[in-house]
Amino acid sequence: MNNMRNTLLQQDGLDPAGVTEQELTQFRMLLAQEQKRVKRFLRLLMISGACMALILLGLCVSESVLETLNIPFVTASGIVVIGIWIVIIPVMRRIGRRLEQSTHRITDYQQVLPECQAMCARGIPMAGRMGQTRFLYWPGLLLVALIIWVISMIVGHAIHLLLTQSFSQFWSVTRWQSGFAVLIFVGMVRGNLIIPLTSLRELDQSDTRFWIRAPRIAALRIPPLFWKTGLTGLLGFIGVLSVYLFFQGNDVYGRALAAMRDAQSIRAVGYGFEDGQRVKTSEIRYQADKGTHIQWFRGDQIIDMYDDGQYRYDFVQGNRYVVKKNTEQPLLPRELTELPRYLKWTRRDPDRDKHIETVVQGHVRYVFYKCYKREDSDNLSLMWMERSSGTPRFRQYEEYKRVDGKWEQVELIEVDYDEPMDLIMPPEVFEQQGIKIVEPETVSRAEYSLERALATTEVLGLTFAVQDLKRWGDTLLLTCSVRATDQSLRERKKERS
């Protein structure tokens, strides 16, 4: 320490052996001035940080307002991030550089003054030096890493709670915040490695048990051109993405549709209304790895439809057969995916938000439903989204019509997700009941083949056939068929090729 003091005095043009009390007093005055500057810079940094925190907090709690204005949350987030980087971050960096300069001066003054030489550095030690070599204090690094990780977890989960009103997706948030904590920790370690050597603690030979030599490459400075180019590109990408999503409109629809596609099972029940009483009209059960079963209730008649993504089965209960045919519909039925599409033309209606009490695996849980409204002169549609998870789920649909100046409810649909479900699909479900599966294409080829026709004739490349003839009182009933001849089919095939 005395060597450092002598060096600093010599740099100021003073003889270390003959420093007067007056000169030491001047150093004490300079030290007091720099300490006041440091306090002022710290207050400015705290004010800037508080402004940034308030802006981010306002963004977290303003999602309902943004949805009411039809501004996607991602777009607003991008604008806020760009604004912070353009306005607040440069100010904080400028203040930080001045704070760093003052801190280095304070360190120099304290090493010159005799009464300060025995003072220990405050805070958790992270870096030191021995000659021209930098060292890292690994117990201090571990402690700082733990503190940063804990703070990141608290802040991350608090923000997630503000946005979703739940602690769902705990591990997902933890992984993201852990990555964020690693970036902060690496930045702090690098900051301790690139500061001037004179600002680092001088180590003794006997005091290096917990110190490890820092690699020289870690202390190299990154050319400003590289990080400025990368930062400009990142901000430009965020800006373009924000503008794109803004013109895409409300993004709740896309996230609700994605939630349906990610669900393992969905059950939706539809109701109509007769004399003010709701009547069950349909029920949809969907299982991701099996298919869809839809029931329609038409008075005393129940119609079943099964679709496994390859075949569709239509069955009217009471019949002895079910009709099987090929399907081109996706496994997730259109009857479900049509529901969130209405969100494209809705607006937020916070006055109709509600809390719902549900029971999940024997535990009572309260979930928050956000309401979206679409209204014209004669029709009113209300949709509720569950926001207790990271991805919004379409939960309820209500439709009203204006009758005599009042809204009268005509439809209600309730949707549940990921309930335990063991959907039995055809052909097993019909084989258990002894119901015959009929394929119209196979039946038509067998029943209306030319070999079974009563009479046939060929005209203009077509074959006309009388398949059946029956008398009904004074009336003759003919069943006929028409198809292209084999030669016509061959000629047609040659023209296409």
Protein backbone atom coordinates (compact mmCIF):
# COMPACT_ATOMS: atom_id res chain seq x y z
CA MET A 1 0.00 0.00 0.00
CA ASN A 2 2.88 2.39 0.77
CA ASN A 3 4.33 1.67 -2.67
CA MET A 4 1.00 2.66 -4.24
CA ARG A 5 0.91 5.84 -2.15
CA ASN A 6 4.45 6.80 -3.16
CA THR A 7 3.67 6.17 -6.81
CA LEU A 8 0.56 8.36 -6.75
CA LEU A 9 2.38 11.19 -4.98
CA GLN A 10 5.20 11.05 -7.50
CA GLN A 11 2.64 11.24 -10.33
CA ASP A 12 1.33 14.46 -8.74
CA GLY A 13 4.88 15.90 -8.55
CA LEU A 14 5.25 15.46 -4.77
CA ASP A 15 8.10 13.93 -2.83
CA PRO A 16 6.65 11.04 -0.77
CA ALA A 17 9.17 11.69 1.98
CA GLY A 18 8.30 15.35 2.36
CA VAL A 19 4.56 15.73 1.97
CA THR A 20 3.31 18.60 4.10
CA GLU A 21 0.12 18.66 6.10
CA GLN A 22 -1.19 21.44 3.86
CA GLU A 23 -0.83 19.22 0.79
CA LEU A 24 -2.59 16.40 2.57
CA THR A 25 -5.39 18.81 3.47
CA GLN A 26 -5.80 19.64 -0.21
CA PHE A 27 -6.15 15.91 -0.96
CA ARG A 28 -8.79 15.65 1.76
CA MET A 29 -10.74 18.53 0.20
CA LEU A 30 -10.55 16.87 -3.23
CA LEU A 31 -11.71 13.59 -1.67
CA ALA A 32 -14.73 15.30 -0.05
CA GLN A 33 -15.65 16.95 -3.37
CA GLU A 34 -15.51 13.64 -5.25
CA GLN A 35 -17.59 11.93 -2.57
CA LYS A 36 -20.28 14.61 -2.99
CA ARG A 37 -20.17 14.07 -6.77
CA VAL A 38 -20.58 10.34 -6.27
CA LYS A 39 -23.65 10.86 -4.07
CA ARG A 40 -25.15 13.19 -6.70
CA PHE A 41 -24.49 10.69 -9.52
CA LEU A 42 -25.99 7.87 -7.44
CA ARG A 43 -29.17 9.91 -6.89
CA LEU A 44 -29.42 10.57 -10.64
CA LEU A 45 -28.95 6.87 -11.38
CA MET A 46 -31.63 5.97 -8.84
CA ILE A 47 -34.04 8.47 -10.42
CA SER A 48 -33.34 7.11 -13.92
CA GLY A 49 -33.73 3.53 -12.71
CA ALA A 50 -36.97 4.40 -10.93
CA CYS A 51 -38.35 5.98 -14.10
CA MET A 52 -37.47 2.87 -16.09
CA ALA A 53 -39.04 0.62 -13.44
CA LEU A 54 -42.24 2.69 -13.39
CA ILE A 55 -42.50 2.55 -17.18
CA LEU A 56 -42.09 -1.24 -17.18
CA LEU A 57 -44.54 -1.61 -14.29
CA GLY A 58 -47.06 0.55 -16.12
CA LEU A 59 -46.64 -1.66 -19.19
CA CYS A 60 -47.28 -4.79 -17.12
CA VAL A 61 -50.53 -3.49 -15.59
CA SER A 62 -51.87 -1.77 -18.74
CA GLU A 63 -52.62 -4.85 -20.82
CA SER A 64 -56.37 -4.33 -20.49
CA VAL A 65 -56.06 -0.73 -21.72
CA LEU A 66 -53.91 -1.84 -24.64
CA GLU A 67 -56.41 -4.52 -25.61
CA THR A 68 -59.23 -1.98 -25.39
CA LEU A 69 -57.26 0.23 -27.82
CA ASN A 70 -56.61 -2.88 -29.98
CA ILE A 71 -52.83 -2.49 -29.57
CA PRO A 72 -50.97 -5.82 -29.24
CA PHE A 73 -49.03 -6.14 -26.00
CA VAL A 74 -45.91 -7.21 -27.93
CA THR A 75 -46.07 -4.01 -30.01
CA ALA A 76 -46.34 -1.84 -26.90
CA SER A 77 -43.47 -3.75 -25.29
CA GLY A 78 -41.28 -3.19 -28.34
CA ILE A 79 -42.00 0.54 -28.36
CA VAL A 80 -41.20 0.79 -24.64
CA VAL A 81 -37.93 -1.15 -25.04
CA ILE A 82 -36.81 1.04 -27.95
CA GLY A 83 -37.75 4.19 -26.03
CA ILE A 84 -35.80 3.07 -22.96
CA TRP A 85 -32.71 2.30 -25.04
CA ILE A 86 -32.86 5.59 -26.93
CA VAL A 87 -33.74 7.93 -24.03
CA ILE A 88 -32.99 6.44 -20.60
CA ILE A 89 -30.08 4.04 -21.20
CA PRO A 90 -27.79 6.68 -22.82
CA VAL A 91 -28.39 9.01 -19.85
CA MET A 92 -27.62 6.22 -17.38
CA ARG A 93 -24.47 5.26 -19.31
CA ARG A 94 -23.26 8.89 -19.29
CA ILE A 95 -23.89 9.18 -15.55
CA GLY A 96 -22.29 5.77 -14.97
CA ARG A 97 -19.09 6.80 -16.75
CA ARG A 98 -18.82 9.95 -14.61
CA LEU A 99 -19.57 7.91 -11.49
CA GLU A 100 -16.82 5.46 -12.45
CA GLN A 101 -14.32 8.30 -12.94
CA SER A 102 -15.18 9.81 -9.56
CA THR A 103 -14.92 6.41 -7.88
CA HIS A 104 -11.44 5.92 -9.31
CA ARG A 105 -10.37 9.37 -8.09
CA ILE A 106 -11.71 8.59 -4.62
CA THR A 107 -9.68 5.38 -4.58
CA ASP A 108 -6.54 7.28 -5.57
CA TYR A 109 -7.06 9.94 -2.88
CA GLN A 110 -7.73 7.34 -0.20
CA GLN A 111 -4.49 5.56 -1.06
CA VAL A 112 -2.58 8.85 -0.70
CA LEU A 113 -4.03 9.86 2.67
CA PRO A 114 -2.49 8.10 5.67
CA GLU A 115 -5.75 7.80 7.61
CA CYS A 116 -7.40 6.01 4.68
CA GLN A 117 -4.71 3.46 3.97
CA ALA A 118 -5.98 1.07 6.63
CA MET A 119 -9.57 1.29 5.42
CA CYS A 120 -10.98 -1.90 3.96
CA ALA A 121 -12.90 -1.83 0.70
CA ARG A 122 -16.64 -2.10 1.27
CA GLY A 123 -18.84 -4.57 -0.58
CA ILE A 124 -18.26 -8.12 -1.80
CA PRO A 125 -14.73 -8.49 -3.25
CA MET A 126 -14.73 -9.86 -6.77
CA ALA A 127 -11.42 -8.87 -8.37
CA GLY A 128 -7.91 -7.93 -7.32
CA ARG A 129 -4.41 -7.66 -8.74
CA MET A 130 -0.90 -8.77 -8.13
CA GLY A 131 1.49 -6.64 -10.12
CA GLN A 132 0.05 -6.44 -13.62
CA THR A 133 -1.99 -9.64 -13.28
CA ARG A 134 -5.71 -9.61 -12.46
CA PHE A 135 -7.28 -12.16 -10.12
CA LEU A 136 -10.90 -13.17 -9.33
CA TYR A 137 -12.17 -14.01 -5.84
CA TRP A 138 -14.30 -17.11 -6.44
CA PRO A 139 -16.22 -17.13 -3.08
CA GLY A 140 -17.28 -13.55 -3.82
CA LEU A 141 -18.32 -14.53 -7.35
CA LEU A 142 -20.50 -17.35 -6.03
CA LEU A 143 -22.16 -15.07 -3.49
CA VAL A 144 -22.84 -12.35 -6.09
CA ALA A 145 -24.22 -14.95 -8.52
CA LEU A 146 -26.59 -16.25 -5.84
CA ILE A 147 -27.82 -12.75 -4.95
CA ILE A 148 -28.41 -11.87 -8.62
CA TRP A 149 -30.28 -15.14 -9.21
CA VAL A 150 -32.57 -14.66 -6.19
CA ILE A 151 -33.39 -11.07 -7.17
CA SER A 152 -34.05 -12.13 -10.78
CA MET A 153 -36.41 -14.89 -9.60
CA ILE A 154 -38.38 -12.52 -7.36
CA VAL A 155 -38.68 -9.82 -10.04
CA GLY A 156 -39.49 -12.27 -12.85
CA HIS A 157 -42.22 -14.11 -10.99
CA ALA A 158 -43.68 -10.82 -9.72
CA ILE A 159 -43.98 -9.54 -13.29
CA HIS A 160 -45.49 -12.86 -14.41
CA LEU A 161 -48.01 -12.63 -11.56
CA LEU A 162 -49.01 -9.12 -12.66
CA LEU A 163 -49.56 -10.30 -16.22
CA THR A 164 -51.32 -13.61 -15.59
CA GLN A 165 -52.66 -13.41 -12.00
CA SER A 166 -51.16 -16.86 -11.28
CA PHE A 167 -47.92 -18.71 -10.57
CA SER A 168 -48.39 -21.09 -13.49
CA GLN A 169 -45.46 -21.92 -15.77
CA PHE A 170 -43.12 -21.61 -12.77
CA TRP A 171 -40.28 -23.54 -14.34
CA SER A 172 -40.54 -21.72 -17.65
CA VAL A 173 -40.23 -18.33 -15.93
CA THR A 174 -37.39 -19.69 -13.78
CA ARG A 175 -35.41 -20.79 -16.85
CA TRP A 176 -35.80 -17.42 -18.56
CA GLN A 177 -34.85 -15.49 -15.43
CA SER A 178 -31.87 -17.76 -14.82
CA GLY A 179 -30.58 -16.92 -18.28
CA PHE A 180 -31.14 -13.23 -17.60
CA ALA A 181 -29.26 -13.55 -14.27
CA VAL A 182 -26.31 -15.18 -16.06
CA LEU A 183 -26.08 -12.23 -18.45
CA ILE A 184 -26.08 -9.74 -15.56
CA PHE A 185 -23.45 -11.75 -13.68
CA VAL A 186 -21.17 -11.98 -16.71
CA GLY A 187 -21.53 -8.23 -17.23
CA MET A 188 -20.58 -7.51 -13.60
CA VAL A 189 -17.52 -9.79 -13.74
CA ARG A 190 -16.37 -8.24 -16.98
CA GLY A 191 -16.88 -4.77 -15.52
CA ASN A 192 -14.47 -5.66 -12.70
CA LEU A 193 -11.91 -6.95 -15.19
CA ILE A 194 -11.74 -3.93 -17.49
CA ILE A 195 -11.40 -1.22 -14.82
CA PRO A 196 -7.92 0.31 -14.36
CA LEU A 197 -5.42 -1.76 -12.40
CA THR A 198 -4.94 1.04 -9.87
CA SER A 199 -8.59 0.64 -8.82
CA LEU A 200 -8.12 -3.02 -7.90
CA ARG A 201 -7.05 -4.31 -4.50
CA GLU A 202 -3.36 -5.18 -4.24
CA LEU A 203 -2.95 -8.80 -3.13
CA ASP A 204 -0.18 -10.24 -0.99
CA GLN A 205 1.63 -13.43 -1.94
CA SER A 206 0.25 -15.15 1.15
CA ASP A 207 -3.34 -14.04 0.48
CA THR A 208 -4.15 -15.92 -2.75
CA ARG A 209 -5.81 -19.12 -1.49
CA PHE A 210 -9.26 -18.16 -2.78
CA TRP A 211 -8.12 -16.15 -5.79
CA ILE A 212 -7.85 -17.45 -9.34
CA ARG A 213 -5.95 -15.89 -12.19
CA ALA A 214 -8.27 -14.15 -14.70
CA PRO A 215 -7.65 -14.96 -18.38
CA ARG A 216 -6.20 -12.04 -20.29
CA ILE A 217 -8.79 -12.36 -23.05
CA ALA A 218 -11.56 -11.59 -20.52
CA ALA A 219 -10.10 -8.11 -19.96
CA LEU A 220 -9.96 -7.18 -23.65
CA ARG A 221 -12.31 -4.38 -24.64
CA ILE A 222 -14.88 -4.95 -27.38
CA PRO A 223 -14.54 -2.41 -30.20
CA PRO A 224 -17.50 0.03 -30.02
CA LEU A 225 -18.31 -0.62 -33.69
CA PHE A 226 -19.19 -4.25 -32.95
CA TRP A 227 -21.57 -3.77 -30.03
CA LYS A 228 -23.13 -0.62 -31.52
CA THR A 229 -23.83 -2.46 -34.78
CA GLY A 230 -25.34 -5.41 -32.90
CA LEU A 231 -27.46 -3.16 -30.69
CA THR A 232 -28.70 -1.14 -33.69
CA GLY A 233 -29.66 -4.34 -35.50
CA LEU A 234 -31.51 -5.68 -32.45
CA LEU A 235 -33.46 -2.45 -31.94
CA GLY A 236 -34.26 -2.31 -35.65
CA PHE A 237 -35.61 -5.87 -35.56
CA ILE A 238 -37.75 -5.08 -32.50
CA GLY A 239 -39.09 -1.96 -34.25
CA VAL A 240 -40.00 -3.80 -37.46
CA LEU A 241 -41.64 -6.63 -35.49
CA SER A 242 -43.63 -4.12 -33.40
CA VAL A 243 -44.93 -2.31 -36.48
CA TYR A 244 -45.84 -5.61 -38.16
CA LEU A 245 -47.78 -6.87 -35.13
CA PHE A 246 -49.53 -3.51 -34.78
CA PHE A 247 -51.00 -3.79 -38.28
CA GLN A 248 -51.92 -7.42 -37.60
CA GLY A 249 -54.36 -6.12 -34.98
CA ASN A 250 -55.43 -7.84 -31.77
CA ASP A 251 -53.12 -10.79 -31.08
CA VAL A 252 -55.45 -12.44 -28.55
CA TYR A 253 -57.04 -14.50 -31.34
CA GLY A 254 -53.74 -16.02 -32.41
CA ARG A 255 -52.74 -16.94 -28.87
CA ALA A 256 -56.18 -18.41 -28.11
CA LEU A 257 -56.04 -20.55 -31.27
CA ALA A 258 -52.52 -21.69 -30.34
CA ALA A 259 -53.80 -22.70 -26.89
CA MET A 260 -56.46 -24.90 -28.52
CA ARG A 261 -53.88 -26.57 -30.73
CA ASP A 262 -51.60 -27.22 -27.74
CA ALA A 263 -54.36 -28.71 -25.58
CA GLN A 264 -54.36 -32.47 -24.94
CA SER A 265 -58.15 -32.54 -24.71
CA ILE A 266 -61.05 -30.11 -25.14
CA ARG A 267 -64.69 -30.43 -24.16
CA ALA A 268 -67.19 -27.83 -25.38
CA VAL A 269 -70.92 -27.83 -24.61
CA GLY A 270 -73.37 -25.63 -26.51
CA TYR A 271 -76.79 -24.48 -25.30
CA GLY A 272 -79.77 -22.80 -26.91
CA PHE A 273 -82.56 -21.02 -25.06
CA GLU A 274 -86.28 -21.75 -25.04
CA ASP A 275 -88.58 -19.59 -22.92
CA GLY A 276 -85.56 -18.28 -21.02
CA GLN A 277 -84.33 -21.78 -20.12
CA ARG A 278 -81.13 -23.15 -21.59
CA VAL A 279 -81.32 -26.38 -23.56
CA LYS A 280 -78.34 -28.50 -24.51
CA THR A 281 -77.88 -28.49 -28.29
CA SER A 282 -74.39 -29.91 -28.87
CA GLU A 283 -71.31 -31.36 -27.22
CA ILE A 284 -67.80 -31.62 -28.65
CA ARG A 285 -65.09 -33.86 -27.23
CA TYR A 286 -61.62 -33.67 -28.72
CA GLN A 287 -58.54 -35.69 -27.79
CA ALA A 288 -55.27 -34.73 -29.45
CA ASP A 289 -53.97 -38.23 -30.17
CA LYS A 290 -57.31 -39.77 -31.18
CA GLY A 291 -59.84 -37.47 -32.81
CA THR A 292 -63.19 -35.74 -32.31
CA HIS A 293 -66.67 -36.81 -31.24
CA ILE A 294 -69.53 -34.34 -31.77
CA GLN A 295 -73.13 -34.83 -30.68
CA TRP A 296 -76.04 -32.70 -31.93
CA PHE A 297 -79.34 -32.78 -30.06
CA ARG A 298 -82.36 -32.12 -32.31
CA GLY A 299 -85.42 -32.60 -30.16
CA ASP A 300 -85.68 -36.33 -29.49
CA GLN A 301 -83.06 -37.11 -32.13
CA ILE A 302 -79.32 -37.39 -31.34
CA ILE A 303 -76.77 -37.27 -34.16
CA ASP A 304 -73.20 -38.47 -33.58
CA MET A 305 -70.20 -37.57 -35.70
CA TYR A 306 -66.74 -39.09 -35.24
CA ASP A 307 -63.64 -37.91 -37.09
CA ASP A 308 -60.17 -39.43 -36.66
CA GLY A 309 -58.50 -37.26 -39.29
CA GLN A 310 -58.82 -39.99 -41.95
CA TYR A 311 -62.45 -41.08 -41.87
CA ARG A 312 -65.68 -39.45 -40.76
CA TYR A 313 -68.54 -41.46 -39.29
CA ASP A 314 -72.13 -40.09 -39.22
CA PHE A 315 -74.65 -41.89 -37.07
CA VAL A 316 -78.25 -41.18 -36.10
CA GLN A 317 -79.00 -42.92 -32.83
CA GLY A 318 -81.67 -45.57 -33.34
CA ASN A 319 -80.40 -46.61 -36.77
CA ARG A 320 -78.74 -49.96 -37.38
CA TYR A 321 -75.96 -48.54 -39.53
CA VAL A 322 -73.40 -45.72 -39.55
CA VAL A 323 -72.11 -43.97 -42.67
CA LYS A 324 -68.33 -43.92 -43.15
CA LYS A 325 -66.56 -41.67 -45.63
CA ASN A 326 -63.18 -40.06 -46.23
CA THR A 327 -62.51 -36.71 -44.55
CA GLU A 328 -60.26 -33.79 -45.42
CA GLN A 329 -60.84 -31.93 -42.14
CA PRO A 330 -57.98 -31.43 -39.64
CA LEU A 331 -58.03 -33.43 -36.42
CA LEU A 332 -58.92 -30.29 -34.42
CA PRO A 333 -62.47 -29.64 -35.69
CA ARG A 334 -63.59 -26.44 -37.35
CA GLU A 335 -66.47 -26.24 -34.87
CA LEU A 336 -63.86 -25.46 -32.18
CA THR A 337 -61.42 -23.27 -34.12
CA GLU A 338 -64.24 -21.03 -35.35
CA LEU A 339 -64.96 -19.82 -31.81
CA PRO A 340 -61.77 -17.77 -31.22
CA ARG A 341 -61.96 -16.28 -34.72
CA TYR A 342 -64.62 -13.89 -33.48
CA LEU A 343 -61.94 -12.31 -31.27
CA LYS A 344 -60.51 -10.59 -34.35
CA TRP A 345 -63.35 -8.08 -34.29
CA THR A 346 -63.80 -7.62 -30.55
CA ARG A 347 -62.92 -4.97 -28.00
CA ARG A 348 -62.08 -5.38 -24.33
CA ASP A 349 -64.95 -4.92 -21.89
CA PRO A 350 -63.31 -4.78 -18.42
CA ASP A 351 -66.68 -4.13 -16.74
CA ARG A 352 -67.73 -7.73 -17.51
CA ASP A 353 -64.52 -9.39 -16.25
CA LYS A 354 -65.18 -12.04 -13.61
CA HIS A 355 -63.51 -14.48 -11.23
CA ILE A 356 -64.56 -18.12 -11.53
CA GLU A 357 -64.17 -20.79 -8.85
CA THR A 358 -63.08 -24.15 -10.27
CA VAL A 359 -62.03 -27.48 -8.79
CA VAL A 360 -58.86 -29.03 -10.22
CA GLN A 361 -57.85 -32.48 -8.92
CA GLY A 362 -59.80 -31.88 -5.73
CA HIS A 363 -58.36 -28.39 -5.10
CA VAL A 364 -60.39 -25.19 -5.36
CA ARG A 365 -58.81 -22.66 -7.72
CA TYR A 366 -59.89 -19.13 -8.65
CA VAL A 367 -59.28 -18.06 -12.23
CA PHE A 368 -59.71 -14.66 -13.83
CA TYR A 369 -61.82 -14.34 -17.00
CA LYS A 370 -61.35 -11.30 -19.25
CA CYS A 371 -64.29 -10.27 -21.40
CA TYR A 372 -64.23 -9.26 -25.08
CA LYS A 373 -67.25 -7.75 -26.79
CA ARG A 374 -68.56 -7.44 -30.35
CA GLU A 375 -71.77 -5.44 -30.76
CA ASP A 376 -73.96 -3.99 -33.48
CA SER A 377 -77.52 -2.68 -33.47
CA ASP A 378 -79.19 -6.12 -33.29
CA ASN A 379 -76.52 -8.55 -32.06
CA LEU A 380 -74.21 -8.76 -29.05
CA SER A 381 -71.43 -11.34 -28.68
CA LEU A 382 -69.47 -11.75 -25.44
CA MET A 383 -66.35 -13.89 -25.18
CA TRP A 384 -64.37 -14.72 -22.04
CA MET A 385 -60.69 -15.61 -22.00
CA GLU A 386 -58.95 -17.30 -19.09
CA ARG A 387 -55.76 -15.38 -18.31
CA SER A 388 -54.51 -17.42 -15.35
CA SER A 389 -51.93 -19.13 -17.57
CA GLY A 390 -49.28 -17.72 -19.85
CA THR A 391 -51.39 -18.41 -22.97
CA PRO A 392 -55.01 -17.16 -22.98
CA ARG A 393 -57.67 -19.85 -23.35
CA PHE A 394 -61.09 -19.34 -24.92
CA ARG A 395 -63.53 -20.31 -22.17
CA GLN A 396 -67.03 -19.03 -22.85
CA TYR A 397 -69.15 -17.57 -25.65
CA GLU A 398 -72.53 -15.86 -25.28
CA GLU A 399 -74.70 -14.46 -28.04
CA TYR A 400 -77.67 -12.11 -27.63
CA LYS A 401 -80.27 -10.65 -30.00
CA ARG A 402 -82.21 -7.48 -29.47
CA VAL A 403 -85.90 -8.20 -28.95
CA ASP A 404 -88.26 -5.32 -28.16
CA GLY A 405 -85.33 -3.13 -27.20
CA LYS A 406 -83.81 -5.67 -24.79
CA TRP A 407 -80.98 -8.17 -25.16
CA GLU A 408 -82.25 -11.76 -25.18
CA GLN A 409 -79.72 -14.60 -24.91
CA VAL A 410 -79.88 -17.14 -27.72
CA GLU A 411 -76.65 -19.15 -27.38
CA LEU A 412 -74.10 -20.21 -24.76
CA ILE A 413 -70.90 -22.25 -25.28
CA GLU A 414 -68.65 -23.38 -22.42
CA VAL A 415 -65.18 -24.79 -23.11
CA ASP A 416 -62.95 -26.87 -20.79
CA TYR A 417 -59.36 -27.92 -21.42
CA ASP A 418 -57.13 -30.87 -20.52
CA GLU A 419 -59.76 -32.82 -18.60
CA PRO A 420 -59.12 -36.58 -18.17
CA MET A 421 -60.60 -38.17 -21.28
CA ASP A 422 -60.57 -41.64 -22.86
CA LEU A 423 -62.32 -41.14 -26.17
CA ILE A 424 -63.42 -44.41 -27.80
CA MET A 425 -63.36 -44.01 -31.58
CA PRO A 426 -64.77 -46.07 -34.46
CA PRO A 427 -64.82 -48.82 -35.41
CA GLU A 428 -64.60 -50.07 -31.78
CA VAL A 429 -67.44 -47.84 -30.51
CA PHE A 430 -69.88 -49.23 -33.09
CA GLU A 431 -68.64 -52.81 -32.98
CA GLN A 432 -69.45 -52.85 -29.26
CA GLN A 433 -73.06 -51.91 -30.09
CA GLY A 434 -73.40 -54.27 -33.08
CA ILE A 435 -73.94 -51.39 -35.52
CA LYS A 436 -73.05 -51.97 -39.18
CA ILE A 437 -70.55 -49.60 -40.81
CA VAL A 438 -71.60 -48.62 -44.34
CA GLU A 439 -69.31 -47.00 -46.90
CA PRO A 440 -71.42 -45.21 -49.57
CA GLU A 441 -68.75 -45.54 -52.26
CA THR A 442 -68.52 -49.31 -51.74
CA VAL A 443 -72.32 -49.63 -51.63
CA SER A 444 -72.80 -47.61 -54.80
CA ARG A 445 -70.21 -49.65 -56.69
CA ALA A 446 -71.82 -52.91 -55.54
CA GLU A 447 -75.51 -51.96 -55.84
CA TYR A 448 -75.22 -50.02 -59.10
CA SER A 449 -72.71 -52.11 -61.03
CA LEU A 450 -73.38 -52.68 -64.75
CA GLU A 451 -73.44 -56.45 -64.18
CA ARG A 452 -76.60 -56.03 -62.08
CA ALA A 453 -78.30 -53.58 -64.51
CA LEU A 454 -81.58 -54.55 -66.26
CA ALA A 455 -80.59 -52.75 -69.47
CA THR A 456 -77.65 -50.62 -70.72
CA THR A 457 -76.81 -48.46 -73.73
CA GLU A 458 -73.86 -46.25 -74.75
CA VAL A 459 -74.41 -42.79 -76.19
CA LEU A 460 -71.79 -40.05 -76.76
CA GLY A 461 -69.19 -41.77 -74.58
CA LEU A 462 -71.61 -42.33 -71.66
CA THR A 463 -73.18 -45.55 -70.42
CA PHE A 464 -76.84 -45.31 -69.37
CA ALA A 465 -78.19 -48.16 -67.26
CA VAL A 466 -81.55 -49.11 -65.76
CA GLN A 467 -80.65 -50.57 -62.36
CA ASP A 468 -84.09 -51.41 -60.99
CA LEU A 469 -87.78 -51.27 -61.91
CA LYS A 470 -90.63 -51.43 -59.42
CA ARG A 471 -94.38 -50.86 -59.54
CA TRP A 472 -96.04 -48.66 -56.91
CA GLY A 473 -99.76 -48.68 -57.57
CA ASP A 474 -100.25 -47.23 -61.03
CA THR A 475 -96.70 -45.80 -61.04
CA LEU A 476 -93.46 -47.34 -62.27
CA LEU A 477 -90.34 -46.39 -60.31
CA LEU A 478 -87.04 -46.51 -62.25
CA THR A 479 -83.58 -46.46 -60.71
CA CYS A 480 -81.02 -45.38 -63.29
CA SER A 481 -77.28 -44.62 -63.40
CA VAL A 482 -74.97 -42.87 -65.81
CA ARG A 483 -71.17 -43.10 -66.06
CA ALA A 484 -68.39 -42.58 -68.59
CA THR A 485 -67.43 -45.55 -70.75
CA ASP A 486 -64.01 -47.14 -70.34
CA GLN A 487 -62.94 -45.74 -73.73
CA SER A 488 -63.98 -42.20 -72.71
CA LEU A 489 -61.99 -42.51 -69.49
CA ARG A 490 -58.89 -43.64 -71.43
CA GLU A 491 -59.19 -40.75 -73.89
CA ARG A 492 -59.70 -38.29 -71.08
CA LYS A 493 -56.60 -39.61 -69.33
CA LYS A 494 -54.52 -39.17 -72.50
CA GLU A 495 -55.70 -35.55 -72.87
CA ARG A 496 -54.63 -34.76 -69.30
CA SER A 497 -51.22 -36.31 -69.78
